[in-house]
Amino acid sequence: MIVWFRVSGAAISNSREWGVNGSSSKGGDPVYEAPELKSNLNFSENVDSYSFGLVLLEMLSAPITTVFEKTELFQKARSGILPDVEDEKLGPVLRALLEEDPNCRLTPKGILSCLF
């Protein structure tokens, strides 16, 4: 069972202030940031979906014991290289969460519709 939680609420993804022309401040762990945050582009709530995808990837991967292993895993994911996921429903969900184009990422409702 997957429980959706607001990643940005946990200050993992970001804590930027939302504005008409994008954001005005930034915080959180850059390791979990969506590509559009790293490029200082305008963003939407889909940054949370990307961050959740990285958290899910971390949970589904073999035990990660070093920062190097985590960094390598995330760099591969950002390049589109994802490990095989045995669960036939979670694999496509993970790929859709880590979609580079924020408009193509799954939303929380999208995840639920894929899994249930």
PDB file of N, CA and C in Angstrom:
ATOM      1  N   MET A   1       0.843  -1.181   0.000  1.00  0.00           N
ATOM      2  CA  MET A   1       0.000   0.000   0.000  1.00  0.00           C
ATOM      3  C   MET A   1       0.884   1.239   0.000  1.00  0.00           C
ATOM      4  N   ILE A   2       0.550   2.180  -0.837  1.00  0.00           N
ATOM      5  CA  ILE A   2       1.287   3.444  -0.877  1.00  0.00           C
ATOM      6  C   ILE A   2       0.446   4.506  -0.201  1.00  0.00           C
ATOM      7  N   VAL A   3       1.083   5.253   0.651  1.00  0.00           N
ATOM      8  CA  VAL A   3       0.416   6.382   1.296  1.00  0.00           C
ATOM      9  C   VAL A   3       1.051   7.645   0.732  1.00  0.00           C
ATOM     10  N   TRP A   4       0.233   8.492   0.103  1.00  0.00           N
ATOM     11  CA  TRP A   4       0.731   9.750  -0.446  1.00  0.00           C
ATOM     12  C   TRP A   4       0.893  10.745   0.678  1.00  0.00           C
ATOM     13  N   PHE A   5       2.008  11.384   0.733  1.00  0.00           N
ATOM     14  CA  PHE A   5       2.205  12.449   1.698  1.00  0.00           C
ATOM     15  C   PHE A   5       2.787  13.645   0.977  1.00  0.00           C
ATOM     16  N   ARG A   6       2.602  14.772   1.549  1.00  0.00           N
ATOM     17  CA  ARG A   6       3.077  15.991   0.897  1.00  0.00           C
ATOM     18  C   ARG A   6       4.559  16.139   1.170  1.00  0.00           C
ATOM     19  N   VAL A   7       5.352  15.862   0.165  1.00  0.00           N
ATOM     20  CA  VAL A   7       6.796  15.886   0.315  1.00  0.00           C
ATOM     21  C   VAL A   7       7.287  17.268   0.687  1.00  0.00           C
ATOM     22  N   SER A   8       6.750  18.308   0.056  1.00  0.00           N
ATOM     23  CA  SER A   8       7.223  19.652   0.359  1.00  0.00           C
ATOM     24  C   SER A   8       6.854  20.056   1.784  1.00  0.00           C
ATOM     25  N   GLY A   9       5.776  19.490   2.317  1.00  0.00           N
ATOM     26  CA  GLY A   9       5.393  19.770   3.694  1.00  0.00           C
ATOM     27  C   GLY A   9       6.418  19.234   4.678  1.00  0.00           C
ATOM     28  N   ALA A  10       7.159  18.222   4.225  1.00  0.00           N
ATOM     29  CA  ALA A  10       8.207  17.662   5.059  1.00  0.00           C
ATOM     30  C   ALA A  10       9.543  18.349   4.788  1.00  0.00           C
ATOM     31  N   ALA A  11       9.527  19.392   3.975  1.00  0.00           N
ATOM     32  CA  ALA A  11      10.717  20.168   3.603  1.00  0.00           C
ATOM     33  C   ALA A  11      11.742  19.304   2.883  1.00  0.00           C
ATOM     34  N   ILE A  12      11.294  18.252   2.223  1.00  0.00           N
ATOM     35  CA  ILE A  12      12.214  17.432   1.452  1.00  0.00           C
ATOM     36  C   ILE A  12      12.404  18.063   0.085  1.00  0.00           C
ATOM     37  N   SER A  13      11.314  18.400  -0.557  1.00  0.00           N
ATOM     38  CA  SER A  13      11.381  18.921  -1.920  1.00  0.00           C
ATOM     39  C   SER A  13      11.763  20.389  -1.923  1.00  0.00           C
ATOM     40  N   ASN A  14      10.910  21.206  -1.369  1.00  0.00           N
ATOM     41  CA  ASN A  14      11.168  22.640  -1.395  1.00  0.00           C
ATOM     42  C   ASN A  14      10.219  23.338  -0.444  1.00  0.00           C
ATOM     43  N   SER A  15      10.517  24.568  -0.191  1.00  0.00           N
ATOM     44  CA  SER A  15       9.590  25.396   0.571  1.00  0.00           C
ATOM     45  C   SER A  15       9.545  26.787  -0.047  1.00  0.00           C
ATOM     46  N   ARG A  16       9.539  26.818  -1.355  1.00  0.00           N
ATOM     47  CA  ARG A  16       9.464  28.101  -2.052  1.00  0.00           C
ATOM     48  C   ARG A  16       8.095  28.723  -1.879  1.00  0.00           C
ATOM     49  N   GLU A  17       8.079  30.017  -1.913  1.00  0.00           N
ATOM     50  CA  GLU A  17       6.798  30.717  -1.887  1.00  0.00           C
ATOM     51  C   GLU A  17       6.248  30.748  -3.307  1.00  0.00           C
ATOM     52  N   TRP A  18       4.955  30.505  -3.434  1.00  0.00           N
ATOM     53  CA  TRP A  18       4.321  30.499  -4.749  1.00  0.00           C
ATOM     54  C   TRP A  18       3.977  31.926  -5.143  1.00  0.00           C
ATOM     55  N   GLY A  19       4.251  32.268  -6.376  1.00  0.00           N
ATOM     56  CA  GLY A  19       3.939  33.592  -6.860  1.00  0.00           C
ATOM     57  C   GLY A  19       3.456  33.527  -8.296  1.00  0.00           C
ATOM     58  N   VAL A  20       2.964  34.615  -8.783  1.00  0.00           N
ATOM     59  CA  VAL A  20       2.444  34.673 -10.144  1.00  0.00           C
ATOM     60  C   VAL A  20       3.543  34.319 -11.144  1.00  0.00           C
ATOM     61  N   ASN A  21       4.716  34.806 -10.946  1.00  0.00           N
ATOM     62  CA  ASN A  21       5.813  34.562 -11.882  1.00  0.00           C
ATOM     63  C   ASN A  21       6.782  33.506 -11.372  1.00  0.00           C
ATOM     64  N   GLY A  22       6.318  32.583 -10.567  1.00  0.00           N
ATOM     65  CA  GLY A  22       7.205  31.542 -10.053  1.00  0.00           C
ATOM     66  C   GLY A  22       7.427  31.713  -8.576  1.00  0.00           C
ATOM     67  N   SER A  23       8.638  31.476  -8.169  1.00  0.00           N
ATOM     68  CA  SER A  23       8.919  31.445  -6.745  1.00  0.00           C
ATOM     69  C   SER A  23       9.812  32.599  -6.328  1.00  0.00           C
ATOM     70  N   SER A  24       9.808  32.850  -5.034  1.00  0.00           N
ATOM     71  CA  SER A  24      10.636  33.940  -4.544  1.00  0.00           C
ATOM     72  C   SER A  24      11.620  33.491  -3.478  1.00  0.00           C
ATOM     73  N   SER A  25      11.448  32.315  -2.933  1.00  0.00           N
ATOM     74  CA  SER A  25      12.399  31.817  -1.943  1.00  0.00           C
ATOM     75  C   SER A  25      12.478  30.306  -2.046  1.00  0.00           C
ATOM     76  N   LYS A  26      13.525  29.731  -1.455  1.00  0.00           N
ATOM     77  CA  LYS A  26      13.768  28.314  -1.637  1.00  0.00           C
ATOM     78  C   LYS A  26      14.358  27.711  -0.374  1.00  0.00           C
ATOM     79  N   GLY A  27      14.000  26.451  -0.111  1.00  0.00           N
ATOM     80  CA  GLY A  27      14.578  25.712   0.989  1.00  0.00           C
ATOM     81  C   GLY A  27      14.357  24.238   0.744  1.00  0.00           C
ATOM     82  N   GLY A  28      14.791  23.395   1.655  1.00  0.00           N
ATOM     83  CA  GLY A  28      14.599  21.962   1.494  1.00  0.00           C
ATOM     84  C   GLY A  28      15.882  21.270   1.064  1.00  0.00           C
ATOM     85  N   ASP A  29      15.779  19.992   0.773  1.00  0.00           N
ATOM     86  CA  ASP A  29      16.928  19.177   0.399  1.00  0.00           C
ATOM     87  C   ASP A  29      17.060  19.146  -1.122  1.00  0.00           C
ATOM     88  N   PRO A  30      18.116  19.709  -1.675  1.00  0.00           N
ATOM     89  CA  PRO A  30      18.265  19.758  -3.131  1.00  0.00           C
ATOM     90  C   PRO A  30      18.385  18.382  -3.785  1.00  0.00           C
ATOM     91  N   VAL A  31      18.738  17.363  -3.034  1.00  0.00           N
ATOM     92  CA  VAL A  31      18.849  16.009  -3.582  1.00  0.00           C
ATOM     93  C   VAL A  31      17.514  15.550  -4.164  1.00  0.00           C
ATOM     94  N   TYR A  32      16.411  15.980  -3.558  1.00  0.00           N
ATOM     95  CA  TYR A  32      15.078  15.540  -3.960  1.00  0.00           C
ATOM     96  C   TYR A  32      14.369  16.527  -4.884  1.00  0.00           C
ATOM     97  N   GLU A  33      15.062  17.561  -5.316  1.00  0.00           N
ATOM     98  CA  GLU A  33      14.413  18.586  -6.137  1.00  0.00           C
ATOM     99  C   GLU A  33      14.098  18.105  -7.551  1.00  0.00           C
ATOM    100  N   ALA A  34      12.989  18.581  -8.049  1.00  0.00           N
ATOM    101  CA  ALA A  34      12.598  18.334  -9.439  1.00  0.00           C
ATOM    102  C   ALA A  34      13.498  19.159 -10.362  1.00  0.00           C
ATOM    103  N   PRO A  35      13.647  18.711 -11.622  1.00  0.00           N
ATOM    104  CA  PRO A  35      14.529  19.427 -12.555  1.00  0.00           C
ATOM    105  C   PRO A  35      14.189  20.901 -12.727  1.00  0.00           C
ATOM    106  N   GLU A  36      12.903  21.238 -12.733  1.00  0.00           N
ATOM    107  CA  GLU A  36      12.533  22.642 -12.942  1.00  0.00           C
ATOM    108  C   GLU A  36      12.956  23.536 -11.781  1.00  0.00           C
ATOM    109  N   LEU A  37      13.137  22.969 -10.590  1.00  0.00           N
ATOM    110  CA  LEU A  37      13.623  23.768  -9.463  1.00  0.00           C
ATOM    111  C   LEU A  37      15.117  24.033  -9.606  1.00  0.00           C
ATOM    112  N   LYS A  38      15.839  23.049 -10.098  1.00  0.00           N
ATOM    113  CA  LYS A  38      17.280  23.227 -10.298  1.00  0.00           C
ATOM    114  C   LYS A  38      17.563  24.266 -11.382  1.00  0.00           C
ATOM    115  N   SER A  39      16.647  24.419 -12.325  1.00  0.00           N
ATOM    116  CA  SER A  39      16.822  25.370 -13.423  1.00  0.00           C
ATOM    117  C   SER A  39      16.198  26.728 -13.125  1.00  0.00           C
ATOM    118  N   ASN A  40      15.634  26.884 -11.933  1.00  0.00           N
ATOM    119  CA  ASN A  40      14.963  28.124 -11.542  1.00  0.00           C
ATOM    120  C   ASN A  40      13.830  28.495 -12.485  1.00  0.00           C
ATOM    121  N   LEU A  41      13.156  27.487 -13.037  1.00  0.00           N
ATOM    122  CA  LEU A  41      11.999  27.724 -13.887  1.00  0.00           C
ATOM    123  C   LEU A  41      10.752  27.838 -13.024  1.00  0.00           C
ATOM    124  N   ASN A  42       9.671  28.353 -13.592  1.00  0.00           N
ATOM    125  CA  ASN A  42       8.399  28.344 -12.873  1.00  0.00           C
ATOM    126  C   ASN A  42       8.025  26.901 -12.593  1.00  0.00           C
ATOM    127  N   PHE A  43       7.286  26.691 -11.525  1.00  0.00           N
ATOM    128  CA  PHE A  43       6.951  25.330 -11.146  1.00  0.00           C
ATOM    129  C   PHE A  43       5.541  25.268 -10.586  1.00  0.00           C
ATOM    130  N   SER A  44       5.054  24.047 -10.476  1.00  0.00           N
ATOM    131  CA  SER A  44       3.727  23.807  -9.914  1.00  0.00           C
ATOM    132  C   SER A  44       3.849  22.767  -8.809  1.00  0.00           C
ATOM    133  N   GLU A  45       2.700  22.305  -8.348  1.00  0.00           N
ATOM    134  CA  GLU A  45       2.689  21.270  -7.306  1.00  0.00           C
ATOM    135  C   GLU A  45       3.290  19.956  -7.804  1.00  0.00           C
ATOM    136  N   ASN A  46       3.542  19.841  -9.107  1.00  0.00           N
ATOM    137  CA  ASN A  46       4.138  18.620  -9.647  1.00  0.00           C
ATOM    138  C   ASN A  46       5.577  18.409  -9.187  1.00  0.00           C
ATOM    139  N   VAL A  47       6.198  19.425  -8.600  1.00  0.00           N
ATOM    140  CA  VAL A  47       7.520  19.209  -8.009  1.00  0.00           C
ATOM    141  C   VAL A  47       7.419  18.197  -6.883  1.00  0.00           C
ATOM    142  N   ASP A  48       6.282  18.189  -6.199  1.00  0.00           N
ATOM    143  CA  ASP A  48       6.074  17.219  -5.118  1.00  0.00           C
ATOM    144  C   ASP A  48       6.007  15.799  -5.661  1.00  0.00           C
ATOM    145  N   SER A  49       5.389  15.637  -6.827  1.00  0.00           N
ATOM    146  CA  SER A  49       5.293  14.313  -7.431  1.00  0.00           C
ATOM    147  C   SER A  49       6.683  13.789  -7.768  1.00  0.00           C
ATOM    148  N   TYR A  50       7.539  14.646  -8.304  1.00  0.00           N
ATOM    149  CA  TYR A  50       8.894  14.231  -8.652  1.00  0.00           C
ATOM    150  C   TYR A  50       9.659  13.823  -7.393  1.00  0.00           C
ATOM    151  N   SER A  51       9.562  14.630  -6.360  1.00  0.00           N
ATOM    152  CA  SER A  51      10.255  14.323  -5.107  1.00  0.00           C
ATOM    153  C   SER A  51       9.744  13.021  -4.508  1.00  0.00           C
ATOM    154  N   PHE A  52       8.434  12.828  -4.570  1.00  0.00           N
ATOM    155  CA  PHE A  52       7.865  11.582  -4.076  1.00  0.00           C
ATOM    156  C   PHE A  52       8.390  10.399  -4.895  1.00  0.00           C
ATOM    157  N   GLY A  53       8.561  10.598  -6.194  1.00  0.00           N
ATOM    158  CA  GLY A  53       9.127   9.553  -7.039  1.00  0.00           C
ATOM    159  C   GLY A  53      10.530   9.169  -6.603  1.00  0.00           C
ATOM    160  N   LEU A  54      11.343  10.144  -6.232  1.00  0.00           N
ATOM    161  CA  LEU A  54      12.695   9.841  -5.747  1.00  0.00           C
ATOM    162  C   LEU A  54      12.650   9.106  -4.414  1.00  0.00           C
ATOM    163  N   VAL A  55      11.741   9.499  -3.547  1.00  0.00           N
ATOM    164  CA  VAL A  55      11.588   8.796  -2.268  1.00  0.00           C
ATOM    165  C   VAL A  55      11.147   7.355  -2.525  1.00  0.00           C
ATOM    166  N   LEU A  56      10.183   7.171  -3.423  1.00  0.00           N
ATOM    167  CA  LEU A  56       9.700   5.833  -3.770  1.00  0.00           C
ATOM    168  C   LEU A  56      10.825   5.006  -4.398  1.00  0.00           C
ATOM    169  N   LEU A  57      11.597   5.603  -5.283  1.00  0.00           N
ATOM    170  CA  LEU A  57      12.732   4.916  -5.895  1.00  0.00           C
ATOM    171  C   LEU A  57      13.700   4.430  -4.824  1.00  0.00           C
ATOM    172  N   GLU A  58      13.977   5.290  -3.880  1.00  0.00           N
ATOM    173  CA  GLU A  58      14.885   4.944  -2.785  1.00  0.00           C
ATOM    174  C   GLU A  58      14.330   3.763  -1.983  1.00  0.00           C
ATOM    175  N   MET A  59      13.030   3.762  -1.750  1.00  0.00           N
ATOM    176  CA  MET A  59      12.403   2.689  -0.975  1.00  0.00           C
ATOM    177  C   MET A  59      12.392   1.364  -1.743  1.00  0.00           C
ATOM    178  N   LEU A  60      12.252   1.424  -3.068  1.00  0.00           N
ATOM    179  CA  LEU A  60      12.157   0.215  -3.876  1.00  0.00           C
ATOM    180  C   LEU A  60      13.511  -0.356  -4.278  1.00  0.00           C
ATOM    181  N   SER A  61      14.574   0.396  -4.050  1.00  0.00           N
ATOM    182  CA  SER A  61      15.901  -0.040  -4.461  1.00  0.00           C
ATOM    183  C   SER A  61      16.533  -0.922  -3.393  1.00  0.00           C
ATOM    184  N   ALA A  62      17.586  -1.594  -3.821  1.00  0.00           N
ATOM    185  CA  ALA A  62      18.359  -2.400  -2.877  1.00  0.00           C
ATOM    186  C   ALA A  62      18.811  -1.497  -1.737  1.00  0.00           C
ATOM    187  N   PRO A  63      19.100  -2.062  -0.595  1.00  0.00           N
ATOM    188  CA  PRO A  63      19.531  -1.212   0.528  1.00  0.00           C
ATOM    189  C   PRO A  63      20.663  -0.260   0.119  1.00  0.00           C
ATOM    190  N   ILE A  64      20.446   1.004   0.393  1.00  0.00           N
ATOM    191  CA  ILE A  64      21.434   2.038   0.087  1.00  0.00           C
ATOM    192  C   ILE A  64      22.161   2.351   1.379  1.00  0.00           C
ATOM    193  N   THR A  65      23.480   2.110   1.364  1.00  0.00           N
ATOM    194  CA  THR A  65      24.238   2.256   2.610  1.00  0.00           C
ATOM    195  C   THR A  65      25.174   3.454   2.619  1.00  0.00           C
ATOM    196  N   THR A  66      25.359   4.097   1.449  1.00  0.00           N
ATOM    197  CA  THR A  66      26.256   5.248   1.410  1.00  0.00           C
ATOM    198  C   THR A  66      25.621   6.396   0.625  1.00  0.00           C
ATOM    199  N   VAL A  67      26.109   7.578   0.856  1.00  0.00           N
ATOM    200  CA  VAL A  67      25.651   8.749   0.110  1.00  0.00           C
ATOM    201  C   VAL A  67      26.001   8.580  -1.361  1.00  0.00           C
ATOM    202  N   PHE A  68      27.154   7.974  -1.642  1.00  0.00           N
ATOM    203  CA  PHE A  68      27.556   7.747  -3.029  1.00  0.00           C
ATOM    204  C   PHE A  68      26.533   6.886  -3.766  1.00  0.00           C
ATOM    205  N   GLU A  69      26.057   5.817  -3.143  1.00  0.00           N
ATOM    206  CA  GLU A  69      25.064   4.938  -3.774  1.00  0.00           C
ATOM    207  C   GLU A  69      23.769   5.688  -4.068  1.00  0.00           C
ATOM    208  N   LYS A  70      23.348   6.507  -3.128  1.00  0.00           N
ATOM    209  CA  LYS A  70      22.128   7.291  -3.328  1.00  0.00           C
ATOM    210  C   LYS A  70      22.312   8.311  -4.443  1.00  0.00           C
ATOM    211  N   THR A  71      23.441   8.991  -4.452  1.00  0.00           N
ATOM    212  CA  THR A  71      23.732   9.976  -5.483  1.00  0.00           C
ATOM    213  C   THR A  71      23.754   9.318  -6.858  1.00  0.00           C
ATOM    214  N   GLU A  72      24.406   8.172  -6.960  1.00  0.00           N
ATOM    215  CA  GLU A  72      24.485   7.450  -8.225  1.00  0.00           C
ATOM    216  C   GLU A  72      23.096   7.000  -8.696  1.00  0.00           C
ATOM    217  N   LEU A  73      22.281   6.482  -7.780  1.00  0.00           N
ATOM    218  CA  LEU A  73      20.921   6.056  -8.100  1.00  0.00           C
ATOM    219  C   LEU A  73      20.096   7.227  -8.632  1.00  0.00           C
ATOM    220  N   PHE A  74      20.167   8.368  -7.965  1.00  0.00           N
ATOM    221  CA  PHE A  74      19.388   9.538  -8.365  1.00  0.00           C
ATOM    222  C   PHE A  74      19.905  10.126  -9.680  1.00  0.00           C
ATOM    223  N   GLN A  75      21.218  10.112  -9.893  1.00  0.00           N
ATOM    224  CA  GLN A  75      21.764  10.616 -11.160  1.00  0.00           C
ATOM    225  C   GLN A  75      21.279   9.762 -12.323  1.00  0.00           C
ATOM    226  N   LYS A  76      21.262   8.456 -12.139  1.00  0.00           N
ATOM    227  CA  LYS A  76      20.752   7.566 -13.183  1.00  0.00           C
ATOM    228  C   LYS A  76      19.273   7.841 -13.435  1.00  0.00           C
ATOM    229  N   ALA A  77      18.504   8.007 -12.366  1.00  0.00           N
ATOM    230  CA  ALA A  77      17.069   8.279 -12.506  1.00  0.00           C
ATOM    231  C   ALA A  77      16.839   9.579 -13.254  1.00  0.00           C
ATOM    232  N   ARG A  78      17.631  10.595 -12.959  1.00  0.00           N
ATOM    233  CA  ARG A  78      17.497  11.885 -13.646  1.00  0.00           C
ATOM    234  C   ARG A  78      17.865  11.775 -15.131  1.00  0.00           C
ATOM    235  N   SER A  79      18.640  10.754 -15.475  1.00  0.00           N
ATOM    236  CA  SER A  79      19.003  10.500 -16.875  1.00  0.00           C
ATOM    237  C   SER A  79      18.037   9.537 -17.550  1.00  0.00           C
ATOM    238  N   GLY A  80      17.021   9.109 -16.813  1.00  0.00           N
ATOM    239  CA  GLY A  80      16.027   8.209 -17.379  1.00  0.00           C
ATOM    240  C   GLY A  80      16.339   6.731 -17.201  1.00  0.00           C
ATOM    241  N   ILE A  81      17.387   6.420 -16.462  1.00  0.00           N
ATOM    242  CA  ILE A  81      17.760   5.022 -16.227  1.00  0.00           C
ATOM    243  C   ILE A  81      17.226   4.602 -14.860  1.00  0.00           C
ATOM    244  N   LEU A  82      16.195   3.764 -14.905  1.00  0.00           N
ATOM    245  CA  LEU A  82      15.574   3.305 -13.661  1.00  0.00           C
ATOM    246  C   LEU A  82      15.773   1.804 -13.507  1.00  0.00           C
ATOM    247  N   PRO A  83      15.934   1.350 -12.271  1.00  0.00           N
ATOM    248  CA  PRO A  83      16.063  -0.092 -12.064  1.00  0.00           C
ATOM    249  C   PRO A  83      14.742  -0.796 -12.373  1.00  0.00           C
ATOM    250  N   ASP A  84      14.821  -2.072 -12.668  1.00  0.00           N
ATOM    251  CA  ASP A  84      13.598  -2.845 -12.882  1.00  0.00           C
ATOM    252  C   ASP A  84      12.840  -2.954 -11.571  1.00  0.00           C
ATOM    253  N   VAL A  85      11.544  -2.710 -11.651  1.00  0.00           N
ATOM    254  CA  VAL A  85      10.677  -2.841 -10.481  1.00  0.00           C
ATOM    255  C   VAL A  85       9.780  -4.043 -10.730  1.00  0.00           C
ATOM    256  N   GLU A  86       9.820  -4.993  -9.822  1.00  0.00           N
ATOM    257  CA  GLU A  86       9.085  -6.243 -10.020  1.00  0.00           C
ATOM    258  C   GLU A  86       7.578  -6.052 -10.067  1.00  0.00           C
ATOM    259  N   ASP A  87       7.061  -5.119  -9.317  1.00  0.00           N
ATOM    260  CA  ASP A  87       5.616  -4.906  -9.271  1.00  0.00           C
ATOM    261  C   ASP A  87       5.150  -4.266 -10.572  1.00  0.00           C
ATOM    262  N   GLU A  88       4.200  -4.910 -11.244  1.00  0.00           N
ATOM    263  CA  GLU A  88       3.751  -4.414 -12.559  1.00  0.00           C
ATOM    264  C   GLU A  88       3.004  -3.094 -12.490  1.00  0.00           C
ATOM    265  N   LYS A  89       2.502  -2.723 -11.328  1.00  0.00           N
ATOM    266  CA  LYS A  89       1.822  -1.431 -11.194  1.00  0.00           C
ATOM    267  C   LYS A  89       2.776  -0.329 -10.748  1.00  0.00           C
ATOM    268  N   LEU A  90       3.720  -0.659  -9.873  1.00  0.00           N
ATOM    269  CA  LEU A  90       4.616   0.372  -9.344  1.00  0.00           C
ATOM    270  C   LEU A  90       5.646   0.854 -10.359  1.00  0.00           C
ATOM    271  N   GLY A  91       6.089  -0.010 -11.266  1.00  0.00           N
ATOM    272  CA  GLY A  91       7.078   0.397 -12.270  1.00  0.00           C
ATOM    273  C   GLY A  91       6.609   1.571 -13.110  1.00  0.00           C
ATOM    274  N   PRO A  92       5.425   1.462 -13.742  1.00  0.00           N
ATOM    275  CA  PRO A  92       4.925   2.588 -14.528  1.00  0.00           C
ATOM    276  C   PRO A  92       4.647   3.844 -13.690  1.00  0.00           C
ATOM    277  N   VAL A  93       4.191   3.643 -12.460  1.00  0.00           N
ATOM    278  CA  VAL A  93       3.946   4.787 -11.569  1.00  0.00           C
ATOM    279  C   VAL A  93       5.260   5.506 -11.291  1.00  0.00           C
ATOM    280  N   LEU A  94       6.294   4.746 -10.978  1.00  0.00           N
ATOM    281  CA  LEU A  94       7.598   5.343 -10.692  1.00  0.00           C
ATOM    282  C   LEU A  94       8.107   6.123 -11.901  1.00  0.00           C
ATOM    283  N   ARG A  95       8.013   5.530 -13.084  1.00  0.00           N
ATOM    284  CA  ARG A  95       8.463   6.227 -14.297  1.00  0.00           C
ATOM    285  C   ARG A  95       7.674   7.519 -14.529  1.00  0.00           C
ATOM    286  N   ALA A  96       6.368   7.474 -14.279  1.00  0.00           N
ATOM    287  CA  ALA A  96       5.526   8.661 -14.487  1.00  0.00           C
ATOM    288  C   ALA A  96       5.794   9.741 -13.440  1.00  0.00           C
ATOM    289  N   LEU A  97       6.163   9.351 -12.236  1.00  0.00           N
ATOM    290  CA  LEU A  97       6.503  10.339 -11.204  1.00  0.00           C
ATOM    291  C   LEU A  97       7.824  11.040 -11.521  1.00  0.00           C
ATOM    292  N   LEU A  98       8.747  10.311 -12.142  1.00  0.00           N
ATOM    293  CA  LEU A  98      10.068  10.858 -12.419  1.00  0.00           C
ATOM    294  C   LEU A  98      10.191  11.408 -13.843  1.00  0.00           C
ATOM    295  N   GLU A  99       9.062  11.657 -14.458  1.00  0.00           N
ATOM    296  CA  GLU A  99       9.024  12.266 -15.789  1.00  0.00           C
ATOM    297  C   GLU A  99       9.657  13.653 -15.723  1.00  0.00           C
ATOM    298  N   GLU A 100      10.556  13.939 -16.645  1.00  0.00           N
ATOM    299  CA  GLU A 100      11.215  15.246 -16.636  1.00  0.00           C
ATOM    300  C   GLU A 100      10.232  16.386 -16.907  1.00  0.00           C
ATOM    301  N   ASP A 101       9.293  16.153 -17.796  1.00  0.00           N
ATOM    302  CA  ASP A 101       8.284  17.169 -18.117  1.00  0.00           C
ATOM    303  C   ASP A 101       7.244  17.199 -17.000  1.00  0.00           C
ATOM    304  N   PRO A 102       7.164  18.292 -16.240  1.00  0.00           N
ATOM    305  CA  PRO A 102       6.234  18.348 -15.114  1.00  0.00           C
ATOM    306  C   PRO A 102       4.770  18.177 -15.514  1.00  0.00           C
ATOM    307  N   ASN A 103       4.433  18.527 -16.749  1.00  0.00           N
ATOM    308  CA  ASN A 103       3.049  18.380 -17.200  1.00  0.00           C
ATOM    309  C   ASN A 103       2.667  16.926 -17.461  1.00  0.00           C
ATOM    310  N   CYS A 104       3.642  16.058 -17.534  1.00  0.00           N
ATOM    311  CA  CYS A 104       3.385  14.632 -17.781  1.00  0.00           C
ATOM    312  C   CYS A 104       3.472  13.790 -16.513  1.00  0.00           C
ATOM    313  N   ARG A 105       3.811  14.392 -15.395  1.00  0.00           N
ATOM    314  CA  ARG A 105       3.935  13.642 -14.140  1.00  0.00           C
ATOM    315  C   ARG A 105       2.579  13.293 -13.557  1.00  0.00           C
ATOM    316  N   LEU A 106       2.573  12.201 -12.826  1.00  0.00           N
ATOM    317  CA  LEU A 106       1.351  11.809 -12.119  1.00  0.00           C
ATOM    318  C   LEU A 106       1.082  12.740 -10.952  1.00  0.00           C
ATOM    319  N   THR A 107      -0.171  12.984 -10.707  1.00  0.00           N
ATOM    320  CA  THR A 107      -0.610  13.713  -9.518  1.00  0.00           C
ATOM    321  C   THR A 107      -0.985  12.670  -8.466  1.00  0.00           C
ATOM    322  N   PRO A 108      -1.253  13.074  -7.233  1.00  0.00           N
ATOM    323  CA  PRO A 108      -1.701  12.092  -6.238  1.00  0.00           C
ATOM    324  C   PRO A 108      -2.939  11.314  -6.700  1.00  0.00           C
ATOM    325  N   LYS A 109      -3.895  11.976  -7.323  1.00  0.00           N
ATOM    326  CA  LYS A 109      -5.081  11.290  -7.824  1.00  0.00           C
ATOM    327  C   LYS A 109      -4.690  10.320  -8.934  1.00  0.00           C
ATOM    328  N   GLY A 110      -3.754  10.700  -9.765  1.00  0.00           N
ATOM    329  CA  GLY A 110      -3.285   9.833 -10.831  1.00  0.00           C
ATOM    330  C   GLY A 110      -2.649   8.559 -10.307  1.00  0.00           C
ATOM    331  N   ILE A 111      -1.895   8.690  -9.218  1.00  0.00           N
ATOM    332  CA  ILE A 111      -1.284   7.514  -8.605  1.00  0.00           C
ATOM    333  C   ILE A 111      -2.355   6.560  -8.121  1.00  0.00           C
ATOM    334  N   LEU A 112      -3.330   7.103  -7.446  1.00  0.00           N
ATOM    335  CA  LEU A 112      -4.407   6.244  -6.918  1.00  0.00           C
ATOM    336  C   LEU A 112      -5.159   5.558  -8.032  1.00  0.00           C
ATOM    337  N   SER A 113      -5.400   6.258  -9.146  1.00  0.00           N
ATOM    338  CA  SER A 113      -6.142   5.633 -10.237  1.00  0.00           C
ATOM    339  C   SER A 113      -5.307   4.538 -10.906  1.00  0.00           C
ATOM    340  N   CYS A 114      -3.997   4.661 -10.880  1.00  0.00           N
ATOM    341  CA  CYS A 114      -3.129   3.622 -11.457  1.00  0.00           C
ATOM    342  C   CYS A 114      -3.047   2.375 -10.585  1.00  0.00           C
ATOM    343  N   LEU A 115      -3.132   2.579  -9.284  1.00  0.00           N
ATOM    344  CA  LEU A 115      -2.908   1.470  -8.361  1.00  0.00           C
ATOM    345  C   LEU A 115      -4.179   0.758  -7.912  1.00  0.00           C
ATOM    346  N   PHE A 116      -5.304   1.466  -7.986  1.00  0.00           N
ATOM    347  CA  PHE A 116      -6.525   0.842  -7.447  1.00  0.00           C
ATOM    348  C   PHE A 116      -7.627   0.793  -8.470  1.00  0.00           C
TER     349      PHE A 116
END
